[in-house]
Amino acid sequence: MPKYNISINALAIQGAQRLTSTTGKDCLVIDLDASRILRHDNGKLYLNLEMSENRDGEDQYGNSHRVAEPTTKDERGQGVKLPILGNAKTFYFPSEAQGAPMKQATAPRKMATAAVVDEPEGDDIPF
């Protein structure tokens, strides 16, 4: 089953602003239209996002999907295009019985190899 690593630019969300608090901390304030927020009975607020596969396949960074706010039926009819908020990469996990490591769906990157150090003889440590 694939796993997706998703990264979004929170400042690309409609109504998002970066502000500095009185204590000097960075804050993200999102002034969203009420129709974009789903208010749950437990008091939590949810922002729906949609993720779809890239039409041209993976991009130069290995991203296979795009993440954006969904448009309403009226917005689609008017030709409104909301900004792409971010991207996602697909990772596949082999079955646990195979015992193979996780691999990314994209072309493998070159990795540095570590040198193997010989253990001194007579060392009975089991690990």
N, C-alpha and C. Protein backbone atom coordinates (compact mmCIF):
# COMPACT_ATOMS: atom_id res chain seq x y z
N MET A 1 0.85 -1.18 0.00
CA MET A 1 0.00 0.00 0.00
C MET A 1 0.89 1.24 0.00
N PRO A 2 0.60 2.22 -0.86
CA PRO A 2 1.45 3.40 -0.92
C PRO A 2 1.21 4.35 0.25
N LYS A 3 2.23 5.11 0.54
CA LYS A 3 2.17 6.17 1.54
C LYS A 3 2.56 7.45 0.81
N TYR A 4 1.95 8.56 1.17
CA TYR A 4 2.22 9.83 0.50
C TYR A 4 2.87 10.80 1.46
N ASN A 5 3.96 11.39 1.04
CA ASN A 5 4.62 12.45 1.79
C ASN A 5 4.14 13.76 1.19
N ILE A 6 3.35 14.52 1.96
CA ILE A 6 2.70 15.72 1.44
C ILE A 6 3.33 16.96 2.06
N SER A 7 3.61 17.94 1.22
CA SER A 7 4.16 19.21 1.67
C SER A 7 3.34 20.33 1.06
N ILE A 8 2.82 21.21 1.90
CA ILE A 8 2.02 22.32 1.37
C ILE A 8 2.61 23.66 1.78
N ASN A 9 2.35 24.66 0.97
CA ASN A 9 2.72 26.04 1.28
C ASN A 9 1.50 26.67 1.94
N ALA A 10 1.51 26.76 3.24
CA ALA A 10 0.35 27.27 3.98
C ALA A 10 0.00 28.70 3.59
N LEU A 11 0.97 29.47 3.14
CA LEU A 11 0.70 30.85 2.75
C LEU A 11 -0.04 30.93 1.41
N ALA A 12 -0.12 29.82 0.67
CA ALA A 12 -0.86 29.82 -0.60
C ALA A 12 -2.35 29.59 -0.39
N ILE A 13 -2.76 29.22 0.83
CA ILE A 13 -4.18 29.04 1.13
C ILE A 13 -4.86 30.41 1.06
N GLN A 14 -6.03 30.45 0.45
CA GLN A 14 -6.75 31.71 0.32
C GLN A 14 -6.93 32.37 1.69
N GLY A 15 -6.59 33.61 1.80
CA GLY A 15 -6.77 34.37 3.03
C GLY A 15 -5.65 34.19 4.05
N ALA A 16 -4.59 33.44 3.71
CA ALA A 16 -3.50 33.20 4.66
C ALA A 16 -2.57 34.40 4.71
N GLN A 17 -2.14 34.74 5.92
CA GLN A 17 -1.21 35.84 6.14
C GLN A 17 -0.19 35.43 7.18
N ARG A 18 1.01 35.89 7.00
CA ARG A 18 2.07 35.66 7.98
C ARG A 18 2.21 36.93 8.80
N LEU A 19 2.02 36.80 10.08
CA LEU A 19 2.11 37.95 10.98
C LEU A 19 3.14 37.66 12.07
N THR A 20 3.63 38.73 12.68
CA THR A 20 4.54 38.59 13.81
C THR A 20 3.81 39.00 15.07
N SER A 21 3.85 38.12 16.07
CA SER A 21 3.16 38.41 17.33
C SER A 21 3.92 39.47 18.11
N THR A 22 3.32 39.94 19.18
CA THR A 22 3.97 40.95 20.02
C THR A 22 5.21 40.39 20.70
N THR A 23 5.31 39.07 20.80
CA THR A 23 6.50 38.45 21.40
C THR A 23 7.55 38.14 20.36
N GLY A 24 7.27 38.45 19.06
CA GLY A 24 8.25 38.24 18.01
C GLY A 24 8.14 36.89 17.30
N LYS A 25 7.13 36.09 17.62
CA LYS A 25 6.97 34.79 16.97
C LYS A 25 6.22 34.95 15.65
N ASP A 26 6.58 34.08 14.66
CA ASP A 26 5.84 34.03 13.40
C ASP A 26 4.51 33.36 13.64
N CYS A 27 3.45 33.93 13.08
CA CYS A 27 2.11 33.36 13.20
C CYS A 27 1.51 33.23 11.81
N LEU A 28 0.69 32.22 11.63
CA LEU A 28 -0.05 32.02 10.40
C LEU A 28 -1.52 32.26 10.71
N VAL A 29 -2.11 33.24 10.04
CA VAL A 29 -3.52 33.56 10.22
C VAL A 29 -4.21 33.29 8.90
N ILE A 30 -5.30 32.50 8.94
CA ILE A 30 -6.03 32.17 7.72
C ILE A 30 -7.45 32.70 7.85
N ASP A 31 -7.76 33.72 7.06
CA ASP A 31 -9.08 34.33 7.04
C ASP A 31 -9.86 33.67 5.90
N LEU A 32 -10.46 32.52 6.19
CA LEU A 32 -11.17 31.74 5.18
C LEU A 32 -12.64 32.09 5.14
N ASP A 33 -13.20 32.00 3.94
CA ASP A 33 -14.64 32.12 3.78
C ASP A 33 -15.28 30.97 4.56
N ALA A 34 -16.38 31.22 5.22
CA ALA A 34 -17.03 30.19 6.04
C ALA A 34 -17.40 28.95 5.24
N SER A 35 -17.62 29.09 3.94
CA SER A 35 -17.98 27.93 3.13
C SER A 35 -16.80 26.99 2.92
N ARG A 36 -15.58 27.44 3.18
CA ARG A 36 -14.39 26.60 3.00
C ARG A 36 -14.03 25.82 4.27
N ILE A 37 -14.65 26.17 5.39
CA ILE A 37 -14.33 25.52 6.66
C ILE A 37 -15.48 24.60 7.05
N LEU A 38 -15.14 23.39 7.43
CA LEU A 38 -16.14 22.45 7.95
C LEU A 38 -16.03 22.45 9.47
N ARG A 39 -17.09 22.85 10.11
CA ARG A 39 -17.12 22.92 11.57
C ARG A 39 -17.74 21.62 12.08
N HIS A 40 -16.96 20.88 12.88
CA HIS A 40 -17.42 19.61 13.41
C HIS A 40 -18.12 19.82 14.75
N ASP A 41 -18.97 18.88 15.13
CA ASP A 41 -19.69 18.97 16.40
C ASP A 41 -18.76 19.04 17.61
N ASN A 42 -17.54 18.48 17.47
CA ASN A 42 -16.61 18.50 18.60
C ASN A 42 -15.85 19.82 18.72
N GLY A 43 -16.18 20.80 17.86
CA GLY A 43 -15.55 22.12 17.94
C GLY A 43 -14.34 22.28 17.03
N LYS A 44 -13.87 21.20 16.41
CA LYS A 44 -12.71 21.29 15.52
C LYS A 44 -13.13 21.87 14.17
N LEU A 45 -12.18 22.54 13.54
CA LEU A 45 -12.40 23.13 12.21
C LEU A 45 -11.56 22.38 11.19
N TYR A 46 -12.14 22.04 10.05
CA TYR A 46 -11.44 21.29 9.03
C TYR A 46 -11.43 22.04 7.71
N LEU A 47 -10.30 21.99 7.04
CA LEU A 47 -10.14 22.56 5.71
C LEU A 47 -9.95 21.39 4.76
N ASN A 48 -10.87 21.22 3.81
CA ASN A 48 -10.74 20.14 2.84
C ASN A 48 -9.71 20.51 1.79
N LEU A 49 -8.88 19.55 1.44
CA LEU A 49 -7.92 19.69 0.36
C LEU A 49 -8.11 18.51 -0.57
N GLU A 50 -7.74 18.67 -1.82
CA GLU A 50 -7.80 17.55 -2.75
C GLU A 50 -6.40 17.27 -3.27
N MET A 51 -6.14 15.98 -3.48
CA MET A 51 -4.87 15.55 -4.01
C MET A 51 -5.15 14.76 -5.27
N SER A 52 -4.49 15.10 -6.35
CA SER A 52 -4.68 14.38 -7.60
C SER A 52 -3.33 14.14 -8.26
N GLU A 53 -3.29 13.09 -9.08
CA GLU A 53 -2.04 12.75 -9.76
C GLU A 53 -1.70 13.81 -10.79
N ASN A 54 -0.41 14.05 -10.95
CA ASN A 54 0.06 14.98 -11.98
C ASN A 54 -0.26 14.39 -13.35
N ARG A 55 -0.76 15.20 -14.24
CA ARG A 55 -1.10 14.72 -15.59
C ARG A 55 0.13 14.23 -16.34
N ASP A 56 1.26 14.88 -16.13
CA ASP A 56 2.49 14.54 -16.85
C ASP A 56 3.38 13.57 -16.08
N GLY A 57 2.86 12.92 -15.06
CA GLY A 57 3.67 12.01 -14.24
C GLY A 57 4.50 12.77 -13.23
N GLU A 58 5.59 12.18 -12.82
CA GLU A 58 6.44 12.79 -11.80
C GLU A 58 7.17 14.01 -12.35
N ASP A 59 7.33 15.02 -11.48
CA ASP A 59 8.08 16.20 -11.89
C ASP A 59 9.57 15.98 -11.62
N GLN A 60 10.37 17.00 -11.83
CA GLN A 60 11.82 16.87 -11.67
C GLN A 60 12.25 16.58 -10.24
N TYR A 61 11.35 16.79 -9.26
CA TYR A 61 11.68 16.53 -7.86
C TYR A 61 11.09 15.22 -7.36
N GLY A 62 10.46 14.45 -8.24
CA GLY A 62 9.88 13.17 -7.86
C GLY A 62 8.47 13.29 -7.30
N ASN A 63 7.86 14.47 -7.39
CA ASN A 63 6.49 14.65 -6.91
C ASN A 63 5.52 14.02 -7.91
N SER A 64 4.62 13.18 -7.41
CA SER A 64 3.69 12.47 -8.28
C SER A 64 2.27 13.02 -8.20
N HIS A 65 1.98 13.88 -7.21
CA HIS A 65 0.64 14.41 -7.01
C HIS A 65 0.71 15.90 -6.70
N ARG A 66 -0.43 16.57 -6.86
CA ARG A 66 -0.53 17.97 -6.47
C ARG A 66 -1.63 18.09 -5.41
N VAL A 67 -1.52 19.10 -4.57
CA VAL A 67 -2.48 19.34 -3.50
C VAL A 67 -3.04 20.75 -3.69
N ALA A 68 -4.37 20.86 -3.64
CA ALA A 68 -5.01 22.16 -3.83
C ALA A 68 -6.33 22.19 -3.06
N GLU A 69 -6.86 23.39 -2.89
CA GLU A 69 -8.21 23.52 -2.34
C GLU A 69 -9.19 23.11 -3.43
N PRO A 70 -10.23 22.37 -3.09
CA PRO A 70 -11.21 22.01 -4.11
C PRO A 70 -12.05 23.22 -4.50
N THR A 71 -12.39 23.31 -5.77
CA THR A 71 -13.26 24.39 -6.23
C THR A 71 -14.71 23.94 -6.13
N THR A 72 -15.59 24.90 -5.91
CA THR A 72 -17.02 24.59 -5.86
C THR A 72 -17.54 24.48 -7.28
N LYS A 73 -18.75 23.98 -7.43
CA LYS A 73 -19.37 23.84 -8.75
C LYS A 73 -19.48 25.21 -9.43
N ASP A 74 -19.88 26.22 -8.67
CA ASP A 74 -19.99 27.58 -9.22
C ASP A 74 -18.63 28.11 -9.68
N GLU A 75 -17.59 27.87 -8.88
CA GLU A 75 -16.24 28.33 -9.25
C GLU A 75 -15.76 27.64 -10.53
N ARG A 76 -16.02 26.33 -10.63
CA ARG A 76 -15.63 25.62 -11.85
C ARG A 76 -16.36 26.19 -13.07
N GLY A 77 -17.64 26.49 -12.90
CA GLY A 77 -18.42 27.08 -13.99
C GLY A 77 -17.90 28.44 -14.42
N GLN A 78 -17.34 29.19 -13.47
CA GLN A 78 -16.79 30.51 -13.77
C GLN A 78 -15.34 30.45 -14.22
N GLY A 79 -14.75 29.24 -14.21
CA GLY A 79 -13.36 29.08 -14.64
C GLY A 79 -12.34 29.51 -13.59
N VAL A 80 -12.75 29.58 -12.32
CA VAL A 80 -11.83 29.97 -11.25
C VAL A 80 -10.80 28.86 -11.05
N LYS A 81 -9.53 29.24 -11.00
CA LYS A 81 -8.45 28.29 -10.74
C LYS A 81 -7.79 28.68 -9.43
N LEU A 82 -7.89 27.81 -8.46
CA LEU A 82 -7.25 28.06 -7.17
C LEU A 82 -5.79 27.64 -7.25
N PRO A 83 -4.92 28.25 -6.44
CA PRO A 83 -3.50 27.93 -6.52
C PRO A 83 -3.20 26.52 -6.02
N ILE A 84 -2.15 25.93 -6.57
CA ILE A 84 -1.66 24.65 -6.07
C ILE A 84 -0.95 24.94 -4.75
N LEU A 85 -1.35 24.25 -3.71
CA LEU A 85 -0.78 24.49 -2.38
C LEU A 85 0.50 23.72 -2.15
N GLY A 86 0.64 22.59 -2.81
CA GLY A 86 1.84 21.80 -2.59
C GLY A 86 1.84 20.55 -3.44
N ASN A 87 2.74 19.64 -3.08
CA ASN A 87 2.96 18.42 -3.85
C ASN A 87 3.05 17.24 -2.91
N ALA A 88 3.00 16.05 -3.51
CA ALA A 88 3.14 14.82 -2.74
C ALA A 88 4.00 13.83 -3.52
N LYS A 89 4.75 13.03 -2.77
CA LYS A 89 5.55 11.95 -3.34
C LYS A 89 4.95 10.64 -2.87
N THR A 90 5.01 9.63 -3.72
CA THR A 90 4.48 8.32 -3.38
C THR A 90 5.61 7.42 -2.92
N PHE A 91 5.39 6.75 -1.79
CA PHE A 91 6.32 5.75 -1.28
C PHE A 91 5.58 4.43 -1.20
N TYR A 92 6.25 3.33 -1.50
CA TYR A 92 5.63 2.02 -1.41
C TYR A 92 6.30 1.21 -0.31
N PHE A 93 5.50 0.48 0.45
CA PHE A 93 6.01 -0.38 1.49
C PHE A 93 5.85 -1.83 1.04
N PRO A 94 6.93 -2.60 1.05
CA PRO A 94 6.78 -4.01 0.72
C PRO A 94 6.08 -4.73 1.86
N SER A 95 5.61 -5.92 1.59
CA SER A 95 4.95 -6.67 2.66
C SER A 95 5.98 -6.98 3.74
N GLU A 96 5.53 -7.10 4.96
CA GLU A 96 6.44 -7.34 6.08
C GLU A 96 7.14 -8.68 5.96
N ALA A 97 6.51 -9.63 5.27
CA ALA A 97 7.13 -10.95 5.12
C ALA A 97 8.39 -10.89 4.27
N GLN A 98 8.45 -9.94 3.34
CA GLN A 98 9.63 -9.84 2.49
C GLN A 98 10.82 -9.27 3.24
N GLY A 99 10.55 -8.40 4.21
CA GLY A 99 11.63 -7.83 5.01
C GLY A 99 12.49 -6.83 4.26
N ALA A 100 12.07 -6.38 3.10
CA ALA A 100 12.84 -5.41 2.34
C ALA A 100 12.57 -4.00 2.86
N PRO A 101 13.52 -3.09 2.71
CA PRO A 101 13.30 -1.73 3.19
C PRO A 101 12.30 -0.98 2.32
N MET A 102 11.75 0.12 2.87
CA MET A 102 10.83 0.96 2.13
C MET A 102 11.56 1.58 0.96
N LYS A 103 10.86 1.74 -0.17
CA LYS A 103 11.49 2.40 -1.30
C LYS A 103 10.56 3.46 -1.85
N GLN A 104 11.17 4.52 -2.37
CA GLN A 104 10.41 5.60 -2.96
C GLN A 104 10.03 5.18 -4.38
N ALA A 105 8.91 5.66 -4.86
CA ALA A 105 8.42 5.27 -6.17
C ALA A 105 9.26 5.88 -7.29
N THR A 106 10.03 6.89 -6.99
CA THR A 106 10.82 7.56 -8.01
C THR A 106 12.16 6.85 -8.18
N ALA A 107 12.93 7.36 -9.11
CA ALA A 107 14.26 6.78 -9.36
C ALA A 107 15.11 6.91 -8.10
N PRO A 108 15.91 5.88 -7.80
CA PRO A 108 16.70 5.93 -6.57
C PRO A 108 17.78 7.00 -6.64
N ARG A 109 18.07 7.57 -5.49
CA ARG A 109 19.13 8.57 -5.39
C ARG A 109 20.42 7.87 -4.99
N LYS A 110 21.55 8.47 -5.35
CA LYS A 110 22.82 7.91 -4.92
C LYS A 110 22.97 8.15 -3.42
N MET A 111 23.43 7.13 -2.72
CA MET A 111 23.60 7.25 -1.27
C MET A 111 25.06 6.97 -0.93
N ALA A 112 25.53 7.65 0.08
CA ALA A 112 26.89 7.40 0.55
C ALA A 112 26.93 6.05 1.25
N THR A 113 28.03 5.34 1.10
CA THR A 113 28.16 4.05 1.77
C THR A 113 29.15 4.19 2.92
N ALA A 114 28.87 3.46 3.97
CA ALA A 114 29.75 3.50 5.14
C ALA A 114 30.79 2.39 5.03
N ALA A 115 31.97 2.63 5.52
CA ALA A 115 33.02 1.62 5.51
C ALA A 115 32.73 0.58 6.57
N VAL A 116 33.07 -0.67 6.28
CA VAL A 116 32.87 -1.75 7.23
C VAL A 116 34.14 -1.90 8.04
N VAL A 117 34.00 -1.88 9.34
CA VAL A 117 35.15 -1.99 10.24
C VAL A 117 35.19 -3.41 10.76
N ASP A 118 36.35 -4.07 10.68
CA ASP A 118 36.49 -5.44 11.18
C ASP A 118 36.41 -5.45 12.70
N GLU A 119 35.69 -6.43 13.23
CA GLU A 119 35.58 -6.61 14.67
C GLU A 119 36.83 -7.32 15.17
N PRO A 120 37.33 -7.00 16.37
CA PRO A 120 38.46 -7.74 16.93
C PRO A 120 38.03 -9.18 17.25
N GLU A 121 38.94 -10.12 17.01
CA GLU A 121 38.61 -11.52 17.26
C GLU A 121 38.47 -11.78 18.75
N GLY A 122 37.63 -12.74 19.09
CA GLY A 122 37.42 -13.09 20.49
C GLY A 122 36.32 -12.28 21.14
N ASP A 123 35.73 -11.37 20.44
CA ASP A 123 34.65 -10.58 20.98
C ASP A 123 33.37 -11.39 20.86
N ASP A 124 32.74 -11.78 21.99
CA ASP A 124 31.56 -12.63 21.98
C ASP A 124 30.27 -11.85 22.11
N ILE A 125 30.27 -10.58 21.81
CA ILE A 125 29.05 -9.78 21.91
C ILE A 125 28.13 -10.22 20.78
N PRO A 126 26.88 -10.57 21.07
CA PRO A 126 25.98 -11.12 20.05
C PRO A 126 25.39 -10.08 19.10
N PHE A 127 25.74 -8.83 19.23
CA PHE A 127 25.17 -7.83 18.31
C PHE A 127 26.23 -6.91 17.78
